[in-house]
Amino acid sequence: MAEVGEVARERMAKLGEANPGRKFEDDYMDTEFGTRGLIRVFGYEDDVVALEFIEPEEMWADPDALEEYSETLSDGIGVRVIVPAEEKRDAADMLREIIGKAVVLGYDELGKFLEI
């Protein structure tokens, strides 16, 4: 399975190609589940317009992660959650039920939803 850092680098490259002139930042945090990745997507006025959470196995189901996704959405910031491909269906079902608006991608779908 791909590592979170590899997924983040590939996703940032694809976002940059599709959105010239936009700014993206990556960040990482070690947890008991593994390393989490985050891509901040900036608007033209250097405001954060979206966050892309790149999660290790099963981290997307952690109550703290669910709360983080929900709070981000309530702040008016778009959320995308990128999970291992084999967990995409379960993640999408749970996130749709609990928080509603998050877009869920599998590690194998990094070329989707690129326009900001």
Protein backbone atom coordinates (compact mmCIF):
# COMPACT_ATOMS: atom_id res chain seq x y z
CA MET A 1 0.00 0.00 0.00
CA ALA A 2 1.15 3.53 -0.75
CA GLU A 3 2.51 5.69 2.06
CA VAL A 4 0.69 8.88 3.05
CA GLY A 5 3.70 11.04 2.11
CA GLU A 6 3.84 9.56 -1.39
CA VAL A 7 0.09 10.08 -1.84
CA ALA A 8 0.35 13.70 -0.67
CA ARG A 9 3.23 14.51 -3.02
CA GLU A 10 1.44 12.97 -6.00
CA ARG A 11 -1.83 14.73 -5.15
CA MET A 12 -0.09 18.11 -4.74
CA ALA A 13 1.62 17.69 -8.12
CA LYS A 14 -1.72 16.93 -9.81
CA LEU A 15 -3.45 19.84 -8.06
CA GLY A 16 -0.64 22.19 -9.11
CA GLU A 17 -0.85 21.09 -12.76
CA ALA A 18 -4.63 21.58 -12.84
CA ASN A 19 -4.59 24.90 -10.95
CA PRO A 20 -1.66 27.04 -12.06
CA GLY A 21 -1.15 30.04 -9.83
CA ARG A 22 -2.78 28.39 -6.81
CA LYS A 23 -0.84 27.71 -3.63
CA PHE A 24 -0.83 24.37 -1.81
CA GLU A 25 0.89 23.33 1.44
CA ASP A 26 1.35 19.89 2.88
CA ASP A 27 1.68 18.94 6.53
CA TYR A 28 2.01 15.65 8.40
CA MET A 29 1.16 14.37 11.86
CA ASP A 30 2.11 11.06 13.45
CA THR A 31 -0.70 9.27 15.30
CA GLU A 32 -1.21 5.85 16.83
CA PHE A 33 -2.79 4.78 13.50
CA GLY A 34 0.11 6.03 11.40
CA THR A 35 1.00 9.28 9.69
CA ARG A 36 -1.82 11.59 8.63
CA GLY A 37 -1.32 14.00 5.75
CA LEU A 38 -2.99 17.33 5.11
CA ILE A 39 -3.01 19.52 2.02
CA ARG A 40 -4.11 23.11 2.46
CA VAL A 41 -5.60 24.64 -0.68
CA PHE A 42 -5.38 28.43 -0.78
CA GLY A 43 -7.62 30.87 -2.62
CA TYR A 44 -6.34 33.80 -4.61
CA GLU A 45 -6.29 35.98 -1.49
CA ASP A 46 -4.17 33.48 0.51
CA ASP A 47 -7.20 32.22 2.43
CA VAL A 48 -7.66 28.47 2.95
CA VAL A 49 -10.52 27.32 0.72
CA ALA A 50 -10.17 23.55 1.15
CA LEU A 51 -8.40 20.92 3.20
CA GLU A 52 -7.53 17.50 1.86
CA PHE A 53 -6.99 14.94 4.61
CA ILE A 54 -4.85 11.98 3.57
CA GLU A 55 -5.54 9.22 6.05
CA PRO A 56 -3.78 5.98 6.91
CA GLU A 57 -5.86 2.84 7.34
CA GLU A 58 -9.05 3.38 9.34
CA MET A 59 -8.09 6.86 10.61
CA TRP A 60 -11.09 8.37 8.79
CA ALA A 61 -13.37 6.54 11.27
CA ASP A 62 -11.69 7.99 14.38
CA PRO A 63 -14.12 10.24 16.29
CA ASP A 64 -11.54 13.05 16.49
CA ALA A 65 -11.02 12.93 12.71
CA LEU A 66 -14.79 12.97 12.11
CA GLU A 67 -15.10 16.01 14.36
CA GLU A 68 -12.24 17.72 12.51
CA TYR A 69 -13.93 17.14 9.12
CA SER A 70 -17.24 18.42 10.45
CA GLU A 71 -15.75 21.55 12.04
CA THR A 72 -13.83 22.33 8.86
CA LEU A 73 -17.03 22.14 6.83
CA SER A 74 -18.92 24.29 9.33
CA ASP A 75 -16.17 26.93 8.92
CA GLY A 76 -17.05 27.08 5.21
CA ILE A 77 -13.93 25.24 4.09
CA GLY A 78 -14.20 22.38 1.61
CA VAL A 79 -13.17 18.90 2.73
CA ARG A 80 -11.76 16.00 0.78
CA VAL A 81 -10.73 12.81 2.53
CA ILE A 82 -8.29 10.51 0.76
CA VAL A 83 -8.21 6.94 2.09
CA PRO A 84 -6.73 3.59 1.08
CA ALA A 85 -8.61 2.38 -2.01
CA GLU A 86 -10.01 -0.70 -0.30
CA GLU A 87 -11.62 1.49 2.40
CA LYS A 88 -13.20 4.06 0.07
CA ARG A 89 -16.74 2.64 0.01
CA ASP A 90 -16.96 2.26 3.80
CA ALA A 91 -15.44 5.71 4.35
CA ALA A 92 -17.77 7.36 1.83
CA ASP A 93 -20.84 5.72 3.38
CA MET A 94 -19.89 6.70 6.93
CA LEU A 95 -18.83 10.26 6.10
CA ARG A 96 -21.95 10.88 4.01
CA GLU A 97 -24.10 9.71 6.93
CA ILE A 98 -22.23 11.60 9.66
CA ILE A 99 -21.04 14.83 8.05
CA GLY A 100 -22.71 14.95 4.66
CA LYS A 101 -20.58 16.99 2.30
CA ALA A 102 -17.07 15.51 2.29
CA VAL A 103 -15.70 14.16 -0.97
CA VAL A 104 -13.96 10.81 -0.45
CA LEU A 105 -11.24 9.59 -2.81
CA GLY A 106 -9.20 6.41 -2.78
CA TYR A 107 -5.41 6.48 -2.98
CA ASP A 108 -5.88 5.24 -6.55
CA GLU A 109 -8.02 8.28 -7.58
CA LEU A 110 -5.59 11.16 -7.08
CA GLY A 111 -6.38 12.60 -10.51
CA LYS A 112 -10.04 13.29 -9.69
CA PHE A 113 -11.65 16.49 -8.38
CA LEU A 114 -8.65 18.67 -9.20
CA GLU A 115 -10.28 22.00 -10.07
CA ILE A 116 -10.59 24.37 -7.17
